[in-house]
Amino acid sequence: MPLSKIPTGTYVLLLHLPDNQTITVGKLGTFDFPAGWYTYIGSAFGAGGLLGRIKHHLQPPDKPHWHIDYLRRHAVVTEIWLSPDTERREAEWVDLMVDIPGAVALIEGFGASDSNKDTHLFYFDLKPSLEDFAVGVHNHFPGAQVLRAFGGS
């Protein structure tokens, strides 16, 4: 399915932070981010849908809007995984990410201001794979399609 035809859905940003960083995340506070891999779970149901949100996340974050924009100033988005859908699955995807071996929730409240979850950001020493994550998505949502919309090989 062409990305321009995907109106709404849930996504994961996979980011790589090459060096340890201390980063101020807006009003949330200042935190130590260890070098490694990060996943951020979000959804796009507003104006512009998934295409608009992905475009935002691939642009330099000169004026941070969301918590993830502050991390993106230091980390590189290496992949974007998404699932086109008319239903919000963000909370369920957070639960699925927690189940991936090595997932660590470092910052309470990150990306979760409109969520009942503690965080939407997870740290990994080793790069998590779309294939491992997609298994969990397919087990919980058999009809779901999980795509790599950016990056990867």
N, C-alpha and C. Protein backbone atom coordinates (compact mmCIF):
# COMPACT_ATOMS: atom_id res chain seq x y z
N MET A 1 0.85 -1.18 0.00
CA MET A 1 0.00 0.00 0.00
C MET A 1 0.89 1.24 0.00
N PRO A 2 0.71 2.15 -0.94
CA PRO A 2 1.53 3.37 -0.95
C PRO A 2 1.29 4.18 0.31
N LEU A 3 2.36 4.76 0.84
CA LEU A 3 2.28 5.52 2.08
C LEU A 3 1.25 6.64 1.97
N SER A 4 1.11 7.25 0.81
CA SER A 4 0.16 8.36 0.65
C SER A 4 -1.29 7.91 0.80
N LYS A 5 -1.55 6.60 0.74
CA LYS A 5 -2.91 6.07 0.85
C LYS A 5 -3.22 5.60 2.27
N ILE A 6 -2.27 5.74 3.20
CA ILE A 6 -2.47 5.29 4.57
C ILE A 6 -2.95 6.47 5.39
N PRO A 7 -4.25 6.53 5.70
CA PRO A 7 -4.74 7.73 6.37
C PRO A 7 -4.39 7.82 7.86
N THR A 8 -4.64 6.78 8.62
CA THR A 8 -4.45 6.83 10.07
C THR A 8 -3.86 5.52 10.55
N GLY A 9 -3.37 5.51 11.79
CA GLY A 9 -2.84 4.28 12.36
C GLY A 9 -1.86 4.51 13.48
N THR A 10 -1.16 3.44 13.81
CA THR A 10 -0.20 3.43 14.90
C THR A 10 1.19 3.21 14.32
N TYR A 11 2.20 3.78 14.98
CA TYR A 11 3.56 3.65 14.45
C TYR A 11 4.58 3.52 15.58
N VAL A 12 5.76 3.06 15.19
CA VAL A 12 6.92 2.99 16.08
C VAL A 12 8.07 3.69 15.38
N LEU A 13 8.71 4.61 16.09
CA LEU A 13 9.97 5.17 15.62
C LEU A 13 11.08 4.37 16.27
N LEU A 14 12.03 3.92 15.48
CA LEU A 14 13.23 3.27 15.99
C LEU A 14 14.36 4.28 15.84
N LEU A 15 14.96 4.65 16.95
CA LEU A 15 16.01 5.67 16.95
C LEU A 15 17.30 5.10 17.51
N HIS A 16 18.42 5.64 17.03
CA HIS A 16 19.72 5.25 17.56
C HIS A 16 20.40 6.49 18.14
N LEU A 17 20.83 6.37 19.39
CA LEU A 17 21.57 7.42 20.06
C LEU A 17 23.01 6.93 20.18
N PRO A 18 23.95 7.56 19.44
CA PRO A 18 25.32 7.03 19.40
C PRO A 18 26.13 7.24 20.68
N ASP A 19 25.81 8.27 21.46
CA ASP A 19 26.57 8.58 22.67
C ASP A 19 25.62 8.86 23.82
N ASN A 20 26.09 8.65 25.05
CA ASN A 20 25.30 9.04 26.21
C ASN A 20 25.02 10.54 26.14
N GLN A 21 23.80 10.91 26.50
CA GLN A 21 23.41 12.33 26.44
C GLN A 21 22.56 12.68 27.66
N THR A 22 22.68 13.90 28.11
CA THR A 22 21.75 14.46 29.08
C THR A 22 20.89 15.44 28.30
N ILE A 23 19.57 15.19 28.30
CA ILE A 23 18.66 15.94 27.44
C ILE A 23 17.50 16.48 28.28
N THR A 24 17.21 17.76 28.06
CA THR A 24 16.02 18.35 28.66
C THR A 24 14.86 18.11 27.71
N VAL A 25 13.81 17.49 28.24
CA VAL A 25 12.62 17.13 27.46
C VAL A 25 11.49 18.07 27.87
N GLY A 26 11.50 19.28 27.32
CA GLY A 26 10.47 20.26 27.61
C GLY A 26 10.23 20.39 29.09
N LYS A 27 8.95 20.42 29.49
CA LYS A 27 8.57 20.58 30.89
C LYS A 27 8.66 19.27 31.66
N LEU A 28 8.90 18.15 30.95
CA LEU A 28 9.00 16.86 31.62
C LEU A 28 10.23 16.79 32.51
N GLY A 29 11.33 17.44 32.10
CA GLY A 29 12.54 17.47 32.92
C GLY A 29 13.78 17.13 32.13
N THR A 30 14.90 17.00 32.85
CA THR A 30 16.20 16.67 32.26
C THR A 30 16.56 15.25 32.67
N PHE A 31 17.00 14.46 31.69
CA PHE A 31 17.24 13.03 31.91
C PHE A 31 18.53 12.59 31.24
N ASP A 32 19.13 11.54 31.81
CA ASP A 32 20.29 10.90 31.19
C ASP A 32 19.79 9.81 30.26
N PHE A 33 20.21 9.89 29.00
CA PHE A 33 19.87 8.90 27.98
C PHE A 33 21.13 8.13 27.63
N PRO A 34 21.18 6.83 27.93
CA PRO A 34 22.35 6.05 27.55
C PRO A 34 22.39 5.81 26.04
N ALA A 35 23.57 5.68 25.50
CA ALA A 35 23.73 5.34 24.09
C ALA A 35 23.02 4.01 23.83
N GLY A 36 22.40 3.89 22.68
CA GLY A 36 21.72 2.65 22.33
C GLY A 36 20.53 2.92 21.44
N TRP A 37 19.56 2.02 21.51
CA TRP A 37 18.39 2.03 20.64
C TRP A 37 17.15 2.40 21.44
N TYR A 38 16.28 3.16 20.82
CA TYR A 38 15.04 3.58 21.45
C TYR A 38 13.87 3.32 20.51
N THR A 39 12.76 2.90 21.10
CA THR A 39 11.52 2.81 20.33
C THR A 39 10.53 3.76 20.97
N TYR A 40 9.80 4.44 20.12
CA TYR A 40 8.76 5.37 20.56
C TYR A 40 7.48 4.98 19.86
N ILE A 41 6.43 4.73 20.62
CA ILE A 41 5.15 4.32 20.06
C ILE A 41 4.22 5.53 20.01
N GLY A 42 3.64 5.76 18.83
CA GLY A 42 2.72 6.87 18.66
C GLY A 42 1.57 6.47 17.75
N SER A 43 0.65 7.40 17.60
CA SER A 43 -0.45 7.17 16.66
C SER A 43 -0.74 8.47 15.93
N ALA A 44 -1.37 8.35 14.80
CA ALA A 44 -1.67 9.50 13.96
C ALA A 44 -3.12 9.42 13.50
N PHE A 45 -3.96 10.17 14.18
CA PHE A 45 -5.38 10.19 13.84
C PHE A 45 -5.88 11.61 13.60
N GLY A 46 -4.96 12.57 13.63
CA GLY A 46 -5.35 13.96 13.39
C GLY A 46 -5.15 14.33 11.93
N ALA A 47 -5.17 15.63 11.69
CA ALA A 47 -4.97 16.15 10.34
C ALA A 47 -3.63 15.66 9.79
N GLY A 48 -3.63 15.18 8.59
CA GLY A 48 -2.40 14.68 7.97
C GLY A 48 -2.16 13.21 8.18
N GLY A 49 -2.80 12.61 9.18
CA GLY A 49 -2.68 11.18 9.42
C GLY A 49 -1.24 10.71 9.54
N LEU A 50 -1.02 9.46 9.16
CA LEU A 50 0.32 8.87 9.26
C LEU A 50 1.34 9.58 8.38
N LEU A 51 0.94 9.96 7.18
CA LEU A 51 1.89 10.62 6.29
C LEU A 51 2.39 11.93 6.90
N GLY A 52 1.49 12.72 7.43
CA GLY A 52 1.89 13.97 8.06
C GLY A 52 2.78 13.76 9.27
N ARG A 53 2.45 12.77 10.08
CA ARG A 53 3.24 12.50 11.29
C ARG A 53 4.63 12.00 10.93
N ILE A 54 4.72 11.12 9.95
CA ILE A 54 6.02 10.60 9.53
C ILE A 54 6.88 11.73 8.95
N LYS A 55 6.27 12.58 8.14
CA LYS A 55 7.02 13.73 7.61
C LYS A 55 7.57 14.57 8.74
N HIS A 56 6.76 14.79 9.77
CA HIS A 56 7.21 15.57 10.93
C HIS A 56 8.43 14.91 11.57
N HIS A 57 8.35 13.61 11.79
CA HIS A 57 9.43 12.90 12.49
C HIS A 57 10.70 12.78 11.66
N LEU A 58 10.62 12.99 10.36
CA LEU A 58 11.81 12.91 9.51
C LEU A 58 12.43 14.28 9.25
N GLN A 59 11.77 15.34 9.70
CA GLN A 59 12.31 16.69 9.56
C GLN A 59 13.17 17.02 10.78
N PRO A 60 14.19 17.87 10.60
CA PRO A 60 14.97 18.30 11.78
C PRO A 60 14.05 18.97 12.81
N PRO A 61 14.18 18.60 14.07
CA PRO A 61 13.28 19.13 15.11
C PRO A 61 13.75 20.50 15.63
N ASP A 62 13.66 21.52 14.79
CA ASP A 62 14.12 22.85 15.19
C ASP A 62 13.27 23.43 16.32
N LYS A 63 11.96 23.21 16.25
CA LYS A 63 11.04 23.69 17.28
C LYS A 63 10.30 22.49 17.83
N PRO A 64 10.83 21.86 18.89
CA PRO A 64 10.20 20.66 19.43
C PRO A 64 8.75 20.89 19.83
N HIS A 65 7.90 19.95 19.45
CA HIS A 65 6.48 20.01 19.76
C HIS A 65 6.10 18.90 20.76
N TRP A 66 6.57 17.68 20.49
CA TRP A 66 6.30 16.53 21.34
C TRP A 66 7.58 16.12 22.07
N HIS A 67 7.43 15.30 23.12
CA HIS A 67 8.60 14.82 23.87
C HIS A 67 9.64 14.19 22.95
N ILE A 68 9.19 13.39 21.99
CA ILE A 68 10.12 12.68 21.11
C ILE A 68 10.96 13.64 20.29
N ASP A 69 10.46 14.84 20.02
CA ASP A 69 11.24 15.81 19.24
C ASP A 69 12.53 16.20 19.96
N TYR A 70 12.49 16.23 21.28
CA TYR A 70 13.70 16.58 22.04
C TYR A 70 14.76 15.49 21.91
N LEU A 71 14.35 14.22 21.93
CA LEU A 71 15.29 13.12 21.73
C LEU A 71 15.78 13.10 20.29
N ARG A 72 14.90 13.41 19.34
CA ARG A 72 15.31 13.40 17.93
C ARG A 72 16.38 14.42 17.62
N ARG A 73 16.56 15.42 18.46
CA ARG A 73 17.65 16.39 18.25
C ARG A 73 19.02 15.73 18.40
N HIS A 74 19.08 14.58 19.09
CA HIS A 74 20.34 13.90 19.38
C HIS A 74 20.42 12.51 18.78
N ALA A 75 19.27 11.89 18.55
CA ALA A 75 19.22 10.53 18.04
C ALA A 75 18.73 10.54 16.59
N VAL A 76 19.08 9.50 15.86
CA VAL A 76 18.72 9.39 14.45
C VAL A 76 17.57 8.39 14.31
N VAL A 77 16.51 8.81 13.61
CA VAL A 77 15.42 7.88 13.28
C VAL A 77 15.97 6.94 12.20
N THR A 78 16.07 5.66 12.53
CA THR A 78 16.62 4.70 11.57
C THR A 78 15.54 3.89 10.85
N GLU A 79 14.40 3.71 11.52
CA GLU A 79 13.29 2.98 10.91
C GLU A 79 11.98 3.52 11.46
N ILE A 80 10.92 3.34 10.67
CA ILE A 80 9.56 3.61 11.14
C ILE A 80 8.71 2.40 10.77
N TRP A 81 8.06 1.84 11.78
CA TRP A 81 7.16 0.72 11.59
C TRP A 81 5.75 1.26 11.79
N LEU A 82 4.82 0.80 10.97
CA LEU A 82 3.46 1.30 11.13
C LEU A 82 2.43 0.26 10.75
N SER A 83 1.23 0.52 11.22
CA SER A 83 0.09 -0.32 10.91
C SER A 83 -1.09 0.58 10.60
N PRO A 84 -1.53 0.60 9.33
CA PRO A 84 -2.70 1.41 8.99
C PRO A 84 -3.93 0.83 9.68
N ASP A 85 -4.72 1.71 10.27
CA ASP A 85 -5.88 1.23 11.00
C ASP A 85 -6.78 2.43 11.30
N THR A 86 -8.04 2.15 11.51
CA THR A 86 -8.97 3.21 11.90
C THR A 86 -9.16 3.23 13.42
N GLU A 87 -8.58 2.24 14.12
CA GLU A 87 -8.66 2.18 15.58
C GLU A 87 -7.31 2.49 16.20
N ARG A 88 -7.34 3.19 17.32
CA ARG A 88 -6.11 3.49 18.06
C ARG A 88 -5.60 2.20 18.71
N ARG A 89 -4.36 1.89 18.49
CA ARG A 89 -3.76 0.70 19.08
C ARG A 89 -2.50 1.05 19.87
N GLU A 90 -2.31 2.32 20.12
CA GLU A 90 -1.10 2.80 20.80
C GLU A 90 -0.87 2.09 22.14
N ALA A 91 -1.89 2.03 22.98
CA ALA A 91 -1.74 1.42 24.30
C ALA A 91 -1.37 -0.05 24.19
N GLU A 92 -2.02 -0.76 23.27
CA GLU A 92 -1.71 -2.18 23.09
C GLU A 92 -0.29 -2.36 22.57
N TRP A 93 0.16 -1.47 21.69
CA TRP A 93 1.52 -1.56 21.16
C TRP A 93 2.55 -1.29 22.25
N VAL A 94 2.23 -0.42 23.20
CA VAL A 94 3.13 -0.20 24.34
C VAL A 94 3.28 -1.51 25.10
N ASP A 95 2.17 -2.20 25.35
CA ASP A 95 2.22 -3.50 26.04
C ASP A 95 3.04 -4.52 25.26
N LEU A 96 2.92 -4.51 23.94
CA LEU A 96 3.68 -5.44 23.11
C LEU A 96 5.18 -5.12 23.14
N MET A 97 5.52 -3.84 23.19
CA MET A 97 6.93 -3.45 23.23
C MET A 97 7.57 -3.90 24.54
N VAL A 98 6.83 -3.80 25.63
CA VAL A 98 7.33 -4.23 26.94
C VAL A 98 7.71 -5.70 26.90
N ASP A 99 7.02 -6.49 26.10
CA ASP A 99 7.25 -7.94 26.02
C ASP A 99 8.51 -8.30 25.23
N ILE A 100 9.09 -7.37 24.51
CA ILE A 100 10.30 -7.67 23.74
C ILE A 100 11.47 -7.76 24.72
N PRO A 101 12.24 -8.86 24.67
CA PRO A 101 13.37 -8.99 25.59
C PRO A 101 14.33 -7.80 25.46
N GLY A 102 14.72 -7.27 26.63
CA GLY A 102 15.65 -6.16 26.67
C GLY A 102 15.00 -4.80 26.76
N ALA A 103 13.68 -4.72 26.63
CA ALA A 103 12.99 -3.42 26.69
C ALA A 103 13.08 -2.84 28.10
N VAL A 104 13.49 -1.57 28.18
CA VAL A 104 13.59 -0.88 29.46
C VAL A 104 12.85 0.45 29.35
N ALA A 105 11.93 0.68 30.27
CA ALA A 105 11.23 1.96 30.34
C ALA A 105 12.07 2.88 31.23
N LEU A 106 12.65 3.92 30.64
CA LEU A 106 13.56 4.78 31.40
C LEU A 106 12.90 6.02 31.98
N ILE A 107 11.92 6.58 31.27
CA ILE A 107 11.39 7.89 31.65
C ILE A 107 9.88 7.85 31.75
N GLU A 108 9.40 7.90 32.98
CA GLU A 108 7.95 7.90 33.19
C GLU A 108 7.34 9.18 32.62
N GLY A 109 6.26 9.01 31.90
CA GLY A 109 5.54 10.13 31.33
C GLY A 109 5.97 10.52 29.93
N PHE A 110 7.05 9.93 29.42
CA PHE A 110 7.55 10.30 28.10
C PHE A 110 6.55 9.89 27.03
N GLY A 111 6.02 10.87 26.32
CA GLY A 111 5.07 10.61 25.24
C GLY A 111 3.74 10.08 25.69
N ALA A 112 3.48 10.14 26.99
CA ALA A 112 2.28 9.50 27.54
C ALA A 112 1.32 10.49 28.19
N SER A 113 1.38 11.75 27.80
CA SER A 113 0.53 12.75 28.43
C SER A 113 -0.95 12.51 28.16
N ASP A 114 -1.28 11.84 27.05
CA ASP A 114 -2.68 11.54 26.73
C ASP A 114 -2.94 10.03 26.76
N SER A 115 -2.17 9.32 27.60
CA SER A 115 -2.24 7.86 27.62
C SER A 115 -2.39 7.36 29.05
N ASN A 116 -2.92 6.16 29.20
CA ASN A 116 -2.98 5.54 30.52
C ASN A 116 -1.73 4.70 30.79
N LYS A 117 -0.76 4.72 29.89
CA LYS A 117 0.50 3.99 30.06
C LYS A 117 1.53 4.90 30.71
N ASP A 118 2.51 4.30 31.38
CA ASP A 118 3.54 5.08 32.07
C ASP A 118 4.48 5.80 31.11
N THR A 119 4.74 5.18 29.97
CA THR A 119 5.67 5.75 29.00
C THR A 119 5.40 5.17 27.63
N HIS A 120 5.85 5.86 26.61
CA HIS A 120 5.77 5.35 25.24
C HIS A 120 7.17 5.21 24.65
N LEU A 121 8.19 5.36 25.49
CA LEU A 121 9.59 5.28 25.05
C LEU A 121 10.28 4.13 25.76
N PHE A 122 10.98 3.30 24.96
CA PHE A 122 11.70 2.17 25.52
C PHE A 122 13.13 2.15 25.01
N TYR A 123 14.03 1.76 25.89
CA TYR A 123 15.45 1.68 25.59
C TYR A 123 15.85 0.22 25.38
N PHE A 124 16.75 -0.01 24.44
CA PHE A 124 17.31 -1.34 24.17
C PHE A 124 18.82 -1.21 23.99
N ASP A 125 19.59 -2.15 24.59
CA ASP A 125 21.03 -2.22 24.32
C ASP A 125 21.27 -2.66 22.88
N LEU A 126 20.49 -3.66 22.45
CA LEU A 126 20.61 -4.21 21.10
C LEU A 126 19.42 -3.78 20.28
N LYS A 127 19.62 -3.60 19.00
CA LYS A 127 18.56 -3.14 18.10
C LYS A 127 17.41 -4.14 18.04
N PRO A 128 16.20 -3.70 18.40
CA PRO A 128 15.04 -4.59 18.25
C PRO A 128 14.66 -4.68 16.77
N SER A 129 13.96 -5.76 16.43
CA SER A 129 13.63 -5.96 15.02
C SER A 129 12.13 -5.84 14.78
N LEU A 130 11.81 -5.34 13.61
CA LEU A 130 10.41 -5.25 13.19
C LEU A 130 9.79 -6.64 13.18
N GLU A 131 10.51 -7.62 12.74
CA GLU A 131 9.97 -8.98 12.63
C GLU A 131 9.53 -9.50 14.00
N ASP A 132 10.36 -9.28 15.04
CA ASP A 132 9.99 -9.73 16.38
C ASP A 132 8.75 -8.99 16.88
N PHE A 133 8.71 -7.69 16.64
CA PHE A 133 7.58 -6.89 17.08
C PHE A 133 6.30 -7.29 16.32
N ALA A 134 6.44 -7.52 15.03
CA ALA A 134 5.28 -7.87 14.20
C ALA A 134 4.63 -9.17 14.65
N VAL A 135 5.40 -10.10 15.18
CA VAL A 135 4.83 -11.36 15.69
C VAL A 135 3.82 -11.05 16.79
N GLY A 136 4.18 -10.17 17.71
CA GLY A 136 3.27 -9.79 18.79
C GLY A 136 2.03 -9.09 18.26
N VAL A 137 2.22 -8.18 17.30
CA VAL A 137 1.08 -7.47 16.72
C VAL A 137 0.13 -8.46 16.06
N HIS A 138 0.68 -9.37 15.27
CA HIS A 138 -0.17 -10.35 14.56
C HIS A 138 -0.87 -11.30 15.52
N ASN A 139 -0.22 -11.64 16.64
CA ASN A 139 -0.86 -12.52 17.62
C ASN A 139 -2.06 -11.84 18.29
N HIS A 140 -1.97 -10.54 18.52
CA HIS A 140 -3.04 -9.81 19.18
C HIS A 140 -4.08 -9.25 18.21
N PHE A 141 -3.64 -8.95 17.00
CA PHE A 141 -4.51 -8.38 15.97
C PHE A 141 -4.27 -9.12 14.66
N PRO A 142 -4.87 -10.31 14.50
CA PRO A 142 -4.56 -11.18 13.36
C PRO A 142 -4.67 -10.51 11.99
N GLY A 143 -5.54 -9.57 11.82
CA GLY A 143 -5.69 -8.94 10.51
C GLY A 143 -4.78 -7.74 10.29
N ALA A 144 -4.00 -7.38 11.29
CA ALA A 144 -3.16 -6.18 11.19
C ALA A 144 -2.01 -6.38 10.22
N GLN A 145 -1.73 -5.32 9.52
CA GLN A 145 -0.59 -5.28 8.60
C GLN A 145 0.46 -4.38 9.23
N VAL A 146 1.69 -4.89 9.39
CA VAL A 146 2.77 -4.09 9.96
C VAL A 146 3.80 -3.87 8.86
N LEU A 147 4.06 -2.60 8.58
CA LEU A 147 4.94 -2.24 7.48
C LEU A 147 6.17 -1.49 7.97
N ARG A 148 7.25 -1.64 7.24
CA ARG A 148 8.42 -0.79 7.47
C ARG A 148 8.29 0.34 6.46
N ALA A 149 7.98 1.54 6.94
CA ALA A 149 7.72 2.66 6.06
C ALA A 149 8.97 3.48 5.78
N PHE A 150 10.01 3.26 6.56
CA PHE A 150 11.24 4.02 6.40
C PHE A 150 12.37 3.20 6.97
N GLY A 151 13.52 3.21 6.30
CA GLY A 151 14.72 2.57 6.80
C GLY A 151 14.72 1.07 6.65
N GLY A 152 15.67 0.46 7.31
CA GLY A 152 15.82 -0.99 7.26
C GLY A 152 16.48 -1.43 5.97
N SER A 153 16.66 -2.72 5.86
CA SER A 153 17.31 -3.24 4.65
C SER A 153 16.44 -4.27 3.97
